[in-house]
Amino acid sequence: MNERRIQQPRDHEFQEIVQSEVPRSDHLDIEDLKNVRLTIAADLGAASLTVRDVLELRQGSVIPLEKLAGEMADIYVNGIPLAKGEVVVIADALHVRVSEIIGAVVEERETSDE
C-alpha cells in the first residue's frame, strides 16, 4: 500500500522588509518625456465597399476617400483628438498642416490706441 508521509508544522522566521533608500521624485520634468514615442494619425476619410470590391483588391488598387486637398482632417495622438489640419499635397504625397489645436485658447494681443 501507498504510505503517505505527513509533514509536521514547524516555525519559520521571515526577514524584515526594508524600504529602499532610492529618493523618490514628486514630479516629472519635461525633459523626462521628450523621448516618449506617440502614434499620430490623421483621418483622411472612409470608403464604403462591397464584399466583391474588397475581394478584388490587389497591390496597387486605389480606394477613393472622402477628403480632398484643402479640406480639414482630424488629427489624433494615441487615439485621442488633438488637432484639426488642412490636407495638403507636397511632392505627390498627402500631408496634414496643423491649423487648430483642440482646446487651445487663442490669446488676444492687447493693442493700445495711443
PDB file of N, CA and C in Angstrom:
ATOM      1  N   MET A   1       0.824  -1.182   0.000  1.00  0.00           N
ATOM      2  CA  MET A   1       0.000   0.000   0.000  1.00  0.00           C
ATOM      3  C   MET A   1       0.862   1.236   0.000  1.00  0.00           C
ATOM      4  N   ASN A   2       0.237   2.309  -0.490  1.00  0.00           N
ATOM      5  CA  ASN A   2       0.948   3.584  -0.510  1.00  0.00           C
ATOM      6  C   ASN A   2       0.908   4.220   0.863  1.00  0.00           C
ATOM      7  N   GLU A   3       2.086   4.458   1.369  1.00  0.00           N
ATOM      8  CA  GLU A   3       2.178   5.116   2.650  1.00  0.00           C
ATOM      9  C   GLU A   3       2.527   6.575   2.433  1.00  0.00           C
ATOM     10  N   ARG A   4       1.705   7.468   2.934  1.00  0.00           N
ATOM     11  CA  ARG A   4       1.968   8.892   2.783  1.00  0.00           C
ATOM     12  C   ARG A   4       2.678   9.392   4.018  1.00  0.00           C
ATOM     13  N   ARG A   5       3.639  10.224   3.752  1.00  0.00           N
ATOM     14  CA  ARG A   5       4.408  10.793   4.851  1.00  0.00           C
ATOM     15  C   ARG A   5       3.795  12.143   5.195  1.00  0.00           C
ATOM     16  N   ILE A   6       3.365  12.335   6.373  1.00  0.00           N
ATOM     17  CA  ILE A   6       2.727  13.567   6.814  1.00  0.00           C
ATOM     18  C   ILE A   6       3.785  14.446   7.452  1.00  0.00           C
ATOM     19  N   GLN A   7       3.894  15.700   6.924  1.00  0.00           N
ATOM     20  CA  GLN A   7       4.867  16.629   7.477  1.00  0.00           C
ATOM     21  C   GLN A   7       4.259  17.361   8.657  1.00  0.00           C
ATOM     22  N   GLN A   8       5.048  17.538   9.642  1.00  0.00           N
ATOM     23  CA  GLN A   8       4.613  18.241  10.833  1.00  0.00           C
ATOM     24  C   GLN A   8       4.861  19.736  10.669  1.00  0.00           C
ATOM     25  N   PRO A   9       3.974  20.571  11.204  1.00  0.00           N
ATOM     26  CA  PRO A   9       4.193  22.011  11.120  1.00  0.00           C
ATOM     27  C   PRO A   9       5.443  22.417  11.889  1.00  0.00           C
ATOM     28  N   ARG A  10       6.105  23.480  11.379  1.00  0.00           N
ATOM     29  CA  ARG A  10       7.300  23.959  12.072  1.00  0.00           C
ATOM     30  C   ARG A  10       7.341  25.478  12.003  1.00  0.00           C
ATOM     31  N   ASP A  11       8.074  26.091  12.859  1.00  0.00           N
ATOM     32  CA  ASP A  11       8.201  27.542  12.902  1.00  0.00           C
ATOM     33  C   ASP A  11       9.106  28.016  11.765  1.00  0.00           C
ATOM     34  N   HIS A  12       8.788  29.214  11.267  1.00  0.00           N
ATOM     35  CA  HIS A  12       9.617  29.816  10.224  1.00  0.00           C
ATOM     36  C   HIS A  12       9.820  31.284  10.558  1.00  0.00           C
ATOM     37  N   GLU A  13      11.001  31.765  10.329  1.00  0.00           N
ATOM     38  CA  GLU A  13      11.303  33.163  10.614  1.00  0.00           C
ATOM     39  C   GLU A  13      11.481  33.909   9.294  1.00  0.00           C
ATOM     40  N   PHE A  14      10.704  34.997   9.111  1.00  0.00           N
ATOM     41  CA  PHE A  14      10.778  35.796   7.899  1.00  0.00           C
ATOM     42  C   PHE A  14      11.740  36.952   8.094  1.00  0.00           C
ATOM     43  N   GLN A  15      12.389  37.362   6.979  1.00  0.00           N
ATOM     44  CA  GLN A  15      13.290  38.508   7.048  1.00  0.00           C
ATOM     45  C   GLN A  15      12.471  39.791   7.046  1.00  0.00           C
ATOM     46  N   GLU A  16      13.015  40.813   7.674  1.00  0.00           N
ATOM     47  CA  GLU A  16      12.334  42.090   7.741  1.00  0.00           C
ATOM     48  C   GLU A  16      12.402  42.783   6.380  1.00  0.00           C
ATOM     49  N   ILE A  17      11.280  43.388   5.980  1.00  0.00           N
ATOM     50  CA  ILE A  17      11.228  44.128   4.721  1.00  0.00           C
ATOM     51  C   ILE A  17      11.643  45.562   5.006  1.00  0.00           C
ATOM     52  N   VAL A  18      12.636  46.036   4.262  1.00  0.00           N
ATOM     53  CA  VAL A  18      13.177  47.372   4.488  1.00  0.00           C
ATOM     54  C   VAL A  18      12.878  48.242   3.269  1.00  0.00           C
ATOM     55  N   GLN A  19      12.491  49.500   3.488  1.00  0.00           N
ATOM     56  CA  GLN A  19      12.254  50.414   2.379  1.00  0.00           C
ATOM     57  C   GLN A  19      13.569  50.729   1.702  1.00  0.00           C
ATOM     58  N   SER A  20      13.506  50.893   0.368  1.00  0.00           N
ATOM     59  CA  SER A  20      14.724  51.205  -0.361  1.00  0.00           C
ATOM     60  C   SER A  20      15.131  52.645  -0.085  1.00  0.00           C
ATOM     61  N   GLU A  21      16.390  52.912  -0.226  1.00  0.00           N
ATOM     62  CA  GLU A  21      16.931  54.234   0.051  1.00  0.00           C
ATOM     63  C   GLU A  21      16.942  55.119  -1.196  1.00  0.00           C
ATOM     64  N   VAL A  22      16.291  54.688  -2.285  1.00  0.00           N
ATOM     65  CA  VAL A  22      16.257  55.473  -3.518  1.00  0.00           C
ATOM     66  C   VAL A  22      15.306  56.649  -3.312  1.00  0.00           C
ATOM     67  N   PRO A  23      15.807  57.897  -3.498  1.00  0.00           N
ATOM     68  CA  PRO A  23      14.918  59.049  -3.320  1.00  0.00           C
ATOM     69  C   PRO A  23      13.843  59.074  -4.396  1.00  0.00           C
ATOM     70  N   ARG A  24      12.651  59.467  -4.017  1.00  0.00           N
ATOM     71  CA  ARG A  24      11.515  59.489  -4.930  1.00  0.00           C
ATOM     72  C   ARG A  24      11.268  60.916  -5.396  1.00  0.00           C
ATOM     73  N   SER A  25      11.098  61.085  -6.685  1.00  0.00           N
ATOM     74  CA  SER A  25      10.825  62.407  -7.232  1.00  0.00           C
ATOM     75  C   SER A  25       9.318  62.634  -7.233  1.00  0.00           C
ATOM     76  N   ASP A  26       8.901  63.811  -6.807  1.00  0.00           N
ATOM     77  CA  ASP A  26       7.478  64.110  -6.720  1.00  0.00           C
ATOM     78  C   ASP A  26       6.893  64.637  -8.020  1.00  0.00           C
ATOM     79  N   HIS A  27       7.737  64.956  -9.000  1.00  0.00           N
ATOM     80  CA  HIS A  27       7.220  65.479 -10.257  1.00  0.00           C
ATOM     81  C   HIS A  27       8.107  65.037 -11.416  1.00  0.00           C
ATOM     82  N   LEU A  28       7.530  65.091 -12.607  1.00  0.00           N
ATOM     83  CA  LEU A  28       8.288  64.797 -13.817  1.00  0.00           C
ATOM     84  C   LEU A  28       8.715  66.104 -14.450  1.00  0.00           C
ATOM     85  N   ASP A  29       9.899  66.128 -14.952  1.00  0.00           N
ATOM     86  CA  ASP A  29      10.382  67.272 -15.698  1.00  0.00           C
ATOM     87  C   ASP A  29      10.064  67.023 -17.169  1.00  0.00           C
ATOM     88  N   ILE A  30       9.870  68.083 -17.938  1.00  0.00           N
ATOM     89  CA  ILE A  30       9.549  67.923 -19.359  1.00  0.00           C
ATOM     90  C   ILE A  30      10.640  67.147 -20.086  1.00  0.00           C
ATOM     91  N   GLU A  31      11.862  67.252 -19.612  1.00  0.00           N
ATOM     92  CA  GLU A  31      12.976  66.510 -20.218  1.00  0.00           C
ATOM     93  C   GLU A  31      12.766  65.000 -20.093  1.00  0.00           C
ATOM     94  N   ASP A  32      12.071  64.564 -19.057  1.00  0.00           N
ATOM     95  CA  ASP A  32      11.814  63.135 -18.846  1.00  0.00           C
ATOM     96  C   ASP A  32      10.879  62.566 -19.907  1.00  0.00           C
ATOM     97  N   LEU A  33      10.106  63.424 -20.556  1.00  0.00           N
ATOM     98  CA  LEU A  33       9.092  62.966 -21.513  1.00  0.00           C
ATOM     99  C   LEU A  33       9.502  63.110 -22.970  1.00  0.00           C
ATOM    100  N   LYS A  34      10.613  63.764 -23.240  1.00  0.00           N
ATOM    101  CA  LYS A  34      10.984  64.075 -24.620  1.00  0.00           C
ATOM    102  C   LYS A  34      11.203  62.846 -25.498  1.00  0.00           C
ATOM    103  N   ASN A  35      11.580  61.717 -24.953  1.00  0.00           N
ATOM    104  CA  ASN A  35      11.838  60.525 -25.765  1.00  0.00           C
ATOM    105  C   ASN A  35      10.677  59.539 -25.783  1.00  0.00           C
ATOM    106  N   VAL A  36       9.527  59.907 -25.214  1.00  0.00           N
ATOM    107  CA  VAL A  36       8.348  59.041 -25.229  1.00  0.00           C
ATOM    108  C   VAL A  36       7.766  59.066 -26.646  1.00  0.00           C
ATOM    109  N   ARG A  37       7.525  57.894 -27.215  1.00  0.00           N
ATOM    110  CA  ARG A  37       7.006  57.821 -28.580  1.00  0.00           C
ATOM    111  C   ARG A  37       5.483  57.778 -28.549  1.00  0.00           C
ATOM    112  N   LEU A  38       4.865  58.541 -29.454  1.00  0.00           N
ATOM    113  CA  LEU A  38       3.414  58.614 -29.578  1.00  0.00           C
ATOM    114  C   LEU A  38       3.024  58.270 -31.010  1.00  0.00           C
ATOM    115  N   THR A  39       1.810  57.784 -31.181  1.00  0.00           N
ATOM    116  CA  THR A  39       1.290  57.490 -32.507  1.00  0.00           C
ATOM    117  C   THR A  39       0.364  58.615 -32.931  1.00  0.00           C
ATOM    118  N   ILE A  40       0.676  59.231 -34.074  1.00  0.00           N
ATOM    119  CA  ILE A  40      -0.150  60.314 -34.589  1.00  0.00           C
ATOM    120  C   ILE A  40      -0.843  59.813 -35.861  1.00  0.00           C
ATOM    121  N   ALA A  41      -2.152  60.040 -35.937  1.00  0.00           N
ATOM    122  CA  ALA A  41      -2.935  59.607 -37.103  1.00  0.00           C
ATOM    123  C   ALA A  41      -3.826  60.755 -37.548  1.00  0.00           C
ATOM    124  N   ALA A  42      -4.044  60.843 -38.849  1.00  0.00           N
ATOM    125  CA  ALA A  42      -4.952  61.843 -39.406  1.00  0.00           C
ATOM    126  C   ALA A  42      -6.073  61.112 -40.131  1.00  0.00           C
ATOM    127  N   ASP A  43      -7.292  61.536 -39.900  1.00  0.00           N
ATOM    128  CA  ASP A  43      -8.463  60.913 -40.524  1.00  0.00           C
ATOM    129  C   ASP A  43      -8.657  61.521 -41.910  1.00  0.00           C
ATOM    130  N   LEU A  44      -8.278  60.775 -42.921  1.00  0.00           N
ATOM    131  CA  LEU A  44      -8.398  61.256 -44.299  1.00  0.00           C
ATOM    132  C   LEU A  44      -9.670  60.780 -44.970  1.00  0.00           C
ATOM    133  N   GLY A  45     -10.537  60.159 -44.226  1.00  0.00           N
ATOM    134  CA  GLY A  45     -11.815  59.752 -44.788  1.00  0.00           C
ATOM    135  C   GLY A  45     -12.054  58.264 -44.664  1.00  0.00           C
ATOM    136  N   ALA A  46     -13.169  57.852 -45.197  1.00  0.00           N
ATOM    137  CA  ALA A  46     -13.560  56.441 -45.169  1.00  0.00           C
ATOM    138  C   ALA A  46     -14.192  56.096 -46.511  1.00  0.00           C
ATOM    139  N   ALA A  47     -14.278  54.833 -46.766  1.00  0.00           N
ATOM    140  CA  ALA A  47     -14.892  54.375 -48.012  1.00  0.00           C
ATOM    141  C   ALA A  47     -15.839  53.230 -47.701  1.00  0.00           C
ATOM    142  N   SER A  48     -16.873  53.109 -48.492  1.00  0.00           N
ATOM    143  CA  SER A  48     -17.813  52.009 -48.363  1.00  0.00           C
ATOM    144  C   SER A  48     -17.645  51.122 -49.593  1.00  0.00           C
ATOM    145  N   LEU A  49     -17.234  49.880 -49.348  1.00  0.00           N
ATOM    146  CA  LEU A  49     -17.001  48.939 -50.446  1.00  0.00           C
ATOM    147  C   LEU A  49     -17.859  47.694 -50.249  1.00  0.00           C
ATOM    148  N   THR A  50     -18.232  47.074 -51.341  1.00  0.00           N
ATOM    149  CA  THR A  50     -18.938  45.799 -51.262  1.00  0.00           C
ATOM    150  C   THR A  50     -17.923  44.697 -50.982  1.00  0.00           C
ATOM    151  N   VAL A  51     -18.405  43.555 -50.560  1.00  0.00           N
ATOM    152  CA  VAL A  51     -17.523  42.415 -50.325  1.00  0.00           C
ATOM    153  C   VAL A  51     -16.774  42.082 -51.612  1.00  0.00           C
ATOM    154  N   ARG A  52     -17.460  42.148 -52.740  1.00  0.00           N
ATOM    155  CA  ARG A  52     -16.819  41.862 -54.034  1.00  0.00           C
ATOM    156  C   ARG A  52     -15.645  42.806 -54.264  1.00  0.00           C
ATOM    157  N   ASP A  53     -15.852  44.119 -53.977  1.00  0.00           N
ATOM    158  CA  ASP A  53     -14.784  45.104 -54.175  1.00  0.00           C
ATOM    159  C   ASP A  53     -13.582  44.795 -53.282  1.00  0.00           C
ATOM    160  N   VAL A  54     -13.852  44.415 -52.043  1.00  0.00           N
ATOM    161  CA  VAL A  54     -12.766  44.091 -51.122  1.00  0.00           C
ATOM    162  C   VAL A  54     -12.006  42.858 -51.595  1.00  0.00           C
ATOM    163  N   LEU A  55     -12.722  41.842 -52.057  1.00  0.00           N
ATOM    164  CA  LEU A  55     -12.068  40.617 -52.529  1.00  0.00           C
ATOM    165  C   LEU A  55     -11.242  40.855 -53.790  1.00  0.00           C
ATOM    166  N   GLU A  56     -11.584  41.880 -54.534  1.00  0.00           N
ATOM    167  CA  GLU A  56     -10.852  42.191 -55.770  1.00  0.00           C
ATOM    168  C   GLU A  56      -9.665  43.120 -55.552  1.00  0.00           C
ATOM    169  N   LEU A  57      -9.455  43.573 -54.314  1.00  0.00           N
ATOM    170  CA  LEU A  57      -8.330  44.460 -54.044  1.00  0.00           C
ATOM    171  C   LEU A  57      -7.009  43.741 -54.286  1.00  0.00           C
ATOM    172  N   ARG A  58      -6.099  44.411 -54.919  1.00  0.00           N
ATOM    173  CA  ARG A  58      -4.769  43.884 -55.209  1.00  0.00           C
ATOM    174  C   ARG A  58      -3.748  44.968 -54.890  1.00  0.00           C
ATOM    175  N   GLN A  59      -2.501  44.611 -54.868  1.00  0.00           N
ATOM    176  CA  GLN A  59      -1.457  45.598 -54.685  1.00  0.00           C
ATOM    177  C   GLN A  59      -1.561  46.623 -55.809  1.00  0.00           C
ATOM    178  N   GLY A  60      -1.608  47.894 -55.449  1.00  0.00           N
ATOM    179  CA  GLY A  60      -1.747  48.956 -56.432  1.00  0.00           C
ATOM    180  C   GLY A  60      -3.180  49.427 -56.606  1.00  0.00           C
ATOM    181  N   SER A  61      -4.156  48.728 -55.998  1.00  0.00           N
ATOM    182  CA  SER A  61      -5.552  49.171 -56.074  1.00  0.00           C
ATOM    183  C   SER A  61      -5.679  50.522 -55.374  1.00  0.00           C
ATOM    184  N   VAL A  62      -6.599  51.350 -55.854  1.00  0.00           N
ATOM    185  CA  VAL A  62      -6.827  52.666 -55.275  1.00  0.00           C
ATOM    186  C   VAL A  62      -8.202  52.678 -54.616  1.00  0.00           C
ATOM    187  N   ILE A  63      -8.246  53.101 -53.357  1.00  0.00           N
ATOM    188  CA  ILE A  63      -9.507  53.225 -52.633  1.00  0.00           C
ATOM    189  C   ILE A  63      -9.800  54.716 -52.498  1.00  0.00           C
ATOM    190  N   PRO A  64     -10.864  55.193 -53.104  1.00  0.00           N
ATOM    191  CA  PRO A  64     -11.172  56.624 -53.006  1.00  0.00           C
ATOM    192  C   PRO A  64     -11.656  56.982 -51.602  1.00  0.00           C
ATOM    193  N   LEU A  65     -11.108  58.053 -51.062  1.00  0.00           N
ATOM    194  CA  LEU A  65     -11.502  58.517 -49.734  1.00  0.00           C
ATOM    195  C   LEU A  65     -12.288  59.810 -49.865  1.00  0.00           C
ATOM    196  N   GLU A  66     -12.908  60.236 -48.769  1.00  0.00           N
ATOM    197  CA  GLU A  66     -13.783  61.404 -48.785  1.00  0.00           C
ATOM    198  C   GLU A  66     -13.025  62.723 -48.818  1.00  0.00           C
ATOM    199  N   LYS A  67     -11.822  62.774 -48.264  1.00  0.00           N
ATOM    200  CA  LYS A  67     -11.090  64.031 -48.122  1.00  0.00           C
ATOM    201  C   LYS A  67     -10.342  64.384 -49.404  1.00  0.00           C
ATOM    202  N   LEU A  68     -10.325  65.677 -49.699  1.00  0.00           N
ATOM    203  CA  LEU A  68      -9.583  66.200 -50.838  1.00  0.00           C
ATOM    204  C   LEU A  68      -8.553  67.190 -50.317  1.00  0.00           C
ATOM    205  N   ALA A  69      -7.568  67.497 -51.126  1.00  0.00           N
ATOM    206  CA  ALA A  69      -6.591  68.518 -50.747  1.00  0.00           C
ATOM    207  C   ALA A  69      -7.338  69.810 -50.452  1.00  0.00           C
ATOM    208  N   GLY A  70      -6.977  70.462 -49.369  1.00  0.00           N
ATOM    209  CA  GLY A  70      -7.624  71.701 -48.979  1.00  0.00           C
ATOM    210  C   GLY A  70      -8.708  71.511 -47.928  1.00  0.00           C
ATOM    211  N   GLU A  71      -9.194  70.283 -47.742  1.00  0.00           N
ATOM    212  CA  GLU A  71     -10.224  70.026 -46.732  1.00  0.00           C
ATOM    213  C   GLU A  71      -9.574  69.808 -45.365  1.00  0.00           C
ATOM    214  N   MET A  72     -10.399  69.912 -44.321  1.00  0.00           N
ATOM    215  CA  MET A  72      -9.914  69.736 -42.952  1.00  0.00           C
ATOM    216  C   MET A  72      -9.971  68.261 -42.550  1.00  0.00           C
ATOM    217  N   ALA A  73      -8.967  67.848 -41.797  1.00  0.00           N
ATOM    218  CA  ALA A  73      -8.900  66.474 -41.294  1.00  0.00           C
ATOM    219  C   ALA A  73      -8.656  66.512 -39.790  1.00  0.00           C
ATOM    220  N   ASP A  74      -9.189  65.539 -39.073  1.00  0.00           N
ATOM    221  CA  ASP A  74      -8.960  65.417 -37.633  1.00  0.00           C
ATOM    222  C   ASP A  74      -7.627  64.714 -37.403  1.00  0.00           C
ATOM    223  N   ILE A  75      -6.874  65.186 -36.406  1.00  0.00           N
ATOM    224  CA  ILE A  75      -5.575  64.615 -36.064  1.00  0.00           C
ATOM    225  C   ILE A  75      -5.684  64.028 -34.659  1.00  0.00           C
ATOM    226  N   TYR A  76      -5.204  62.794 -34.503  1.00  0.00           N
ATOM    227  CA  TYR A  76      -5.295  62.078 -33.229  1.00  0.00           C
ATOM    228  C   TYR A  76      -3.900  61.708 -32.730  1.00  0.00           C
ATOM    229  N   VAL A  77      -3.702  61.765 -31.408  1.00  0.00           N
ATOM    230  CA  VAL A  77      -2.475  61.278 -30.786  1.00  0.00           C
ATOM    231  C   VAL A  77      -2.876  60.132 -29.871  1.00  0.00           C
ATOM    232  N   ASN A  78      -2.371  58.947 -30.188  1.00  0.00           N
ATOM    233  CA  ASN A  78      -2.736  57.728 -29.450  1.00  0.00           C
ATOM    234  C   ASN A  78      -4.251  57.573 -29.359  1.00  0.00           C
ATOM    235  N   GLY A  79      -4.960  57.917 -30.429  1.00  0.00           N
ATOM    236  CA  GLY A  79      -6.407  57.746 -30.494  1.00  0.00           C
ATOM    237  C   GLY A  79      -7.207  58.861 -29.855  1.00  0.00           C
ATOM    238  N   ILE A  80      -6.542  59.859 -29.301  1.00  0.00           N
ATOM    239  CA  ILE A  80      -7.236  60.975 -28.647  1.00  0.00           C
ATOM    240  C   ILE A  80      -7.191  62.189 -29.567  1.00  0.00           C
ATOM    241  N   PRO A  81      -8.346  62.837 -29.822  1.00  0.00           N
ATOM    242  CA  PRO A  81      -8.348  64.007 -30.705  1.00  0.00           C
ATOM    243  C   PRO A  81      -7.430  65.101 -30.165  1.00  0.00           C
ATOM    244  N   LEU A  82      -6.535  65.607 -31.033  1.00  0.00           N
ATOM    245  CA  LEU A  82      -5.591  66.637 -30.636  1.00  0.00           C
ATOM    246  C   LEU A  82      -5.771  67.926 -31.417  1.00  0.00           C
ATOM    247  N   ALA A  83      -6.002  67.785 -32.733  1.00  0.00           N
ATOM    248  CA  ALA A  83      -5.988  68.981 -33.565  1.00  0.00           C
ATOM    249  C   ALA A  83      -6.810  68.762 -34.833  1.00  0.00           C
ATOM    250  N   LYS A  84      -6.925  69.832 -35.593  1.00  0.00           N
ATOM    251  CA  LYS A  84      -7.513  69.777 -36.926  1.00  0.00           C
ATOM    252  C   LYS A  84      -6.482  70.358 -37.871  1.00  0.00           C
ATOM    253  N   GLY A  85      -6.441  69.820 -39.072  1.00  0.00           N
ATOM    254  CA  GLY A  85      -5.451  70.303 -40.026  1.00  0.00           C
ATOM    255  C   GLY A  85      -5.968  70.248 -41.442  1.00  0.00           C
ATOM    256  N   GLU A  86      -5.279  70.965 -42.303  1.00  0.00           N
ATOM    257  CA  GLU A  86      -5.644  71.037 -43.715  1.00  0.00           C
ATOM    258  C   GLU A  86      -4.870  69.984 -44.496  1.00  0.00           C
ATOM    259  N   VAL A  87      -5.560  69.223 -45.337  1.00  0.00           N
ATOM    260  CA  VAL A  87      -4.918  68.225 -46.183  1.00  0.00           C
ATOM    261  C   VAL A  87      -4.200  68.968 -47.306  1.00  0.00           C
ATOM    262  N   VAL A  88      -2.905  68.727 -47.438  1.00  0.00           N
ATOM    263  CA  VAL A  88      -2.104  69.367 -48.485  1.00  0.00           C
ATOM    264  C   VAL A  88      -1.333  68.309 -49.245  1.00  0.00           C
ATOM    265  N   VAL A  89      -0.996  68.625 -50.486  1.00  0.00           N
ATOM    266  CA  VAL A  89      -0.196  67.726 -51.319  1.00  0.00           C
ATOM    267  C   VAL A  89       1.174  68.363 -51.491  1.00  0.00           C
ATOM    268  N   ILE A  90       2.210  67.625 -51.092  1.00  0.00           N
ATOM    269  CA  ILE A  90       3.582  68.077 -51.265  1.00  0.00           C
ATOM    270  C   ILE A  90       4.346  66.946 -51.932  1.00  0.00           C
ATOM    271  N   ALA A  91       4.895  67.229 -53.101  1.00  0.00           N
ATOM    272  CA  ALA A  91       5.681  66.235 -53.849  1.00  0.00           C
ATOM    273  C   ALA A  91       4.897  64.938 -54.039  1.00  0.00           C
ATOM    274  N   ASP A  92       3.676  65.048 -54.502  1.00  0.00           N
ATOM    275  CA  ASP A  92       2.817  63.897 -54.810  1.00  0.00           C
ATOM    276  C   ASP A  92       2.458  63.034 -53.594  1.00  0.00           C
ATOM    277  N   ALA A  93       2.589  63.574 -52.391  1.00  0.00           N
ATOM    278  CA  ALA A  93       2.207  62.835 -51.184  1.00  0.00           C
ATOM    279  C   ALA A  93       1.254  63.698 -50.365  1.00  0.00           C
ATOM    280  N   LEU A  94       0.310  63.048 -49.685  1.00  0.00           N
ATOM    281  CA  LEU A  94      -0.626  63.773 -48.830  1.00  0.00           C
ATOM    282  C   LEU A  94       0.023  64.058 -47.481  1.00  0.00           C
ATOM    283  N   HIS A  95      -0.204  65.263 -46.983  1.00  0.00           N
ATOM    284  CA  HIS A  95       0.265  65.689 -45.669  1.00  0.00           C
ATOM    285  C   HIS A  95      -0.880  66.428 -45.002  1.00  0.00           C
ATOM    286  N   VAL A  96      -0.745  66.693 -43.710  1.00  0.00           N
ATOM    287  CA  VAL A  96      -1.752  67.471 -42.992  1.00  0.00           C
ATOM    288  C   VAL A  96      -1.032  68.626 -42.297  1.00  0.00           C
ATOM    289  N   ARG A  97      -1.437  69.843 -42.615  1.00  0.00           N
ATOM    290  CA  ARG A  97      -0.887  71.043 -41.982  1.00  0.00           C
ATOM    291  C   ARG A  97      -1.758  71.386 -40.784  1.00  0.00           C
ATOM    292  N   VAL A  98      -1.178  71.402 -39.586  1.00  0.00           N
ATOM    293  CA  VAL A  98      -1.934  71.683 -38.363  1.00  0.00           C
ATOM    294  C   VAL A  98      -2.428  73.120 -38.404  1.00  0.00           C
ATOM    295  N   SER A  99      -3.737  73.287 -38.214  1.00  0.00           N
ATOM    296  CA  SER A  99      -4.299  74.629 -38.243  1.00  0.00           C
ATOM    297  C   SER A  99      -4.987  75.000 -36.941  1.00  0.00           C
ATOM    298  N   GLU A 100      -5.336  74.001 -36.124  1.00  0.00           N
ATOM    299  CA  GLU A 100      -6.026  74.294 -34.864  1.00  0.00           C
ATOM    300  C   GLU A 100      -5.744  73.173 -33.872  1.00  0.00           C
ATOM    301  N   ILE A 101      -5.304  73.553 -32.670  1.00  0.00           N
ATOM    302  CA  ILE A 101      -5.136  72.593 -31.586  1.00  0.00           C
ATOM    303  C   ILE A 101      -6.440  72.600 -30.788  1.00  0.00           C
ATOM    304  N   ILE A 102      -7.038  71.442 -30.607  1.00  0.00           N
ATOM    305  CA  ILE A 102      -8.319  71.352 -29.912  1.00  0.00           C
ATOM    306  C   ILE A 102      -8.130  71.747 -28.451  1.00  0.00           C
ATOM    307  N   GLY A 103      -8.965  72.666 -27.978  1.00  0.00           N
ATOM    308  CA  GLY A 103      -8.920  73.093 -26.589  1.00  0.00           C
ATOM    309  C   GLY A 103      -7.912  74.183 -26.303  1.00  0.00           C
ATOM    310  N   ALA A 104      -7.090  74.553 -27.288  1.00  0.00           N
ATOM    311  CA  ALA A 104      -6.113  75.615 -27.056  1.00  0.00           C
ATOM    312  C   ALA A 104      -6.824  76.958 -27.047  1.00  0.00           C
ATOM    313  N   VAL A 105      -6.443  77.795 -26.118  1.00  0.00           N
ATOM    314  CA  VAL A 105      -7.040  79.119 -26.013  1.00  0.00           C
ATOM    315  C   VAL A 105      -6.201  80.081 -26.835  1.00  0.00           C
ATOM    316  N   VAL A 106      -6.866  80.789 -27.731  1.00  0.00           N
ATOM    317  CA  VAL A 106      -6.173  81.770 -28.546  1.00  0.00           C
ATOM    318  C   VAL A 106      -6.057  83.048 -27.730  1.00  0.00           C
ATOM    319  N   GLU A 107      -4.821  83.461 -27.492  1.00  0.00           N
ATOM    320  CA  GLU A 107      -4.601  84.669 -26.705  1.00  0.00           C
ATOM    321  C   GLU A 107      -4.742  85.887 -27.605  1.00  0.00           C
ATOM    322  N   GLU A 108      -5.577  86.805 -27.196  1.00  0.00           N
ATOM    323  CA  GLU A 108      -5.738  88.036 -27.957  1.00  0.00           C
ATOM    324  C   GLU A 108      -4.689  89.022 -27.493  1.00  0.00           C
ATOM    325  N   ARG A 109      -3.961  89.575 -28.458  1.00  0.00           N
ATOM    326  CA  ARG A 109      -2.949  90.556 -28.111  1.00  0.00           C
ATOM    327  C   ARG A 109      -3.611  91.895 -27.886  1.00  0.00           C
ATOM    328  N   GLU A 110      -3.221  92.511 -26.800  1.00  0.00           N
ATOM    329  CA  GLU A 110      -3.789  93.806 -26.479  1.00  0.00           C
ATOM    330  C   GLU A 110      -3.106  94.873 -27.328  1.00  0.00           C
ATOM    331  N   THR A 111      -3.914  95.667 -27.986  1.00  0.00           N
ATOM    332  CA  THR A 111      -3.363  96.770 -28.765  1.00  0.00           C
ATOM    333  C   THR A 111      -3.843  98.047 -28.150  1.00  0.00           C
ATOM    334  N   SER A 112      -2.938  98.971 -27.978  1.00  0.00           N
ATOM    335  CA  SER A 112      -3.326 100.245 -27.383  1.00  0.00           C
ATOM    336  C   SER A 112      -3.423 101.290 -28.471  1.00  0.00           C
ATOM    337  N   ASP A 113      -4.455 102.069 -28.419  1.00  0.00           N
ATOM    338  CA  ASP A 113      -4.688 103.128 -29.406  1.00  0.00           C
ATOM    339  C   ASP A 113      -4.246 104.449 -28.803  1.00  0.00           C
ATOM    340  N   GLU A 114      -2.950 104.633 -28.690  1.00  0.00           N
ATOM    341  CA  GLU A 114      -2.444 105.869 -28.102  1.00  0.00           C
ATOM    342  C   GLU A 114      -2.035 106.836 -29.155  1.00  0.00           C
TER     343      GLU A 114
END
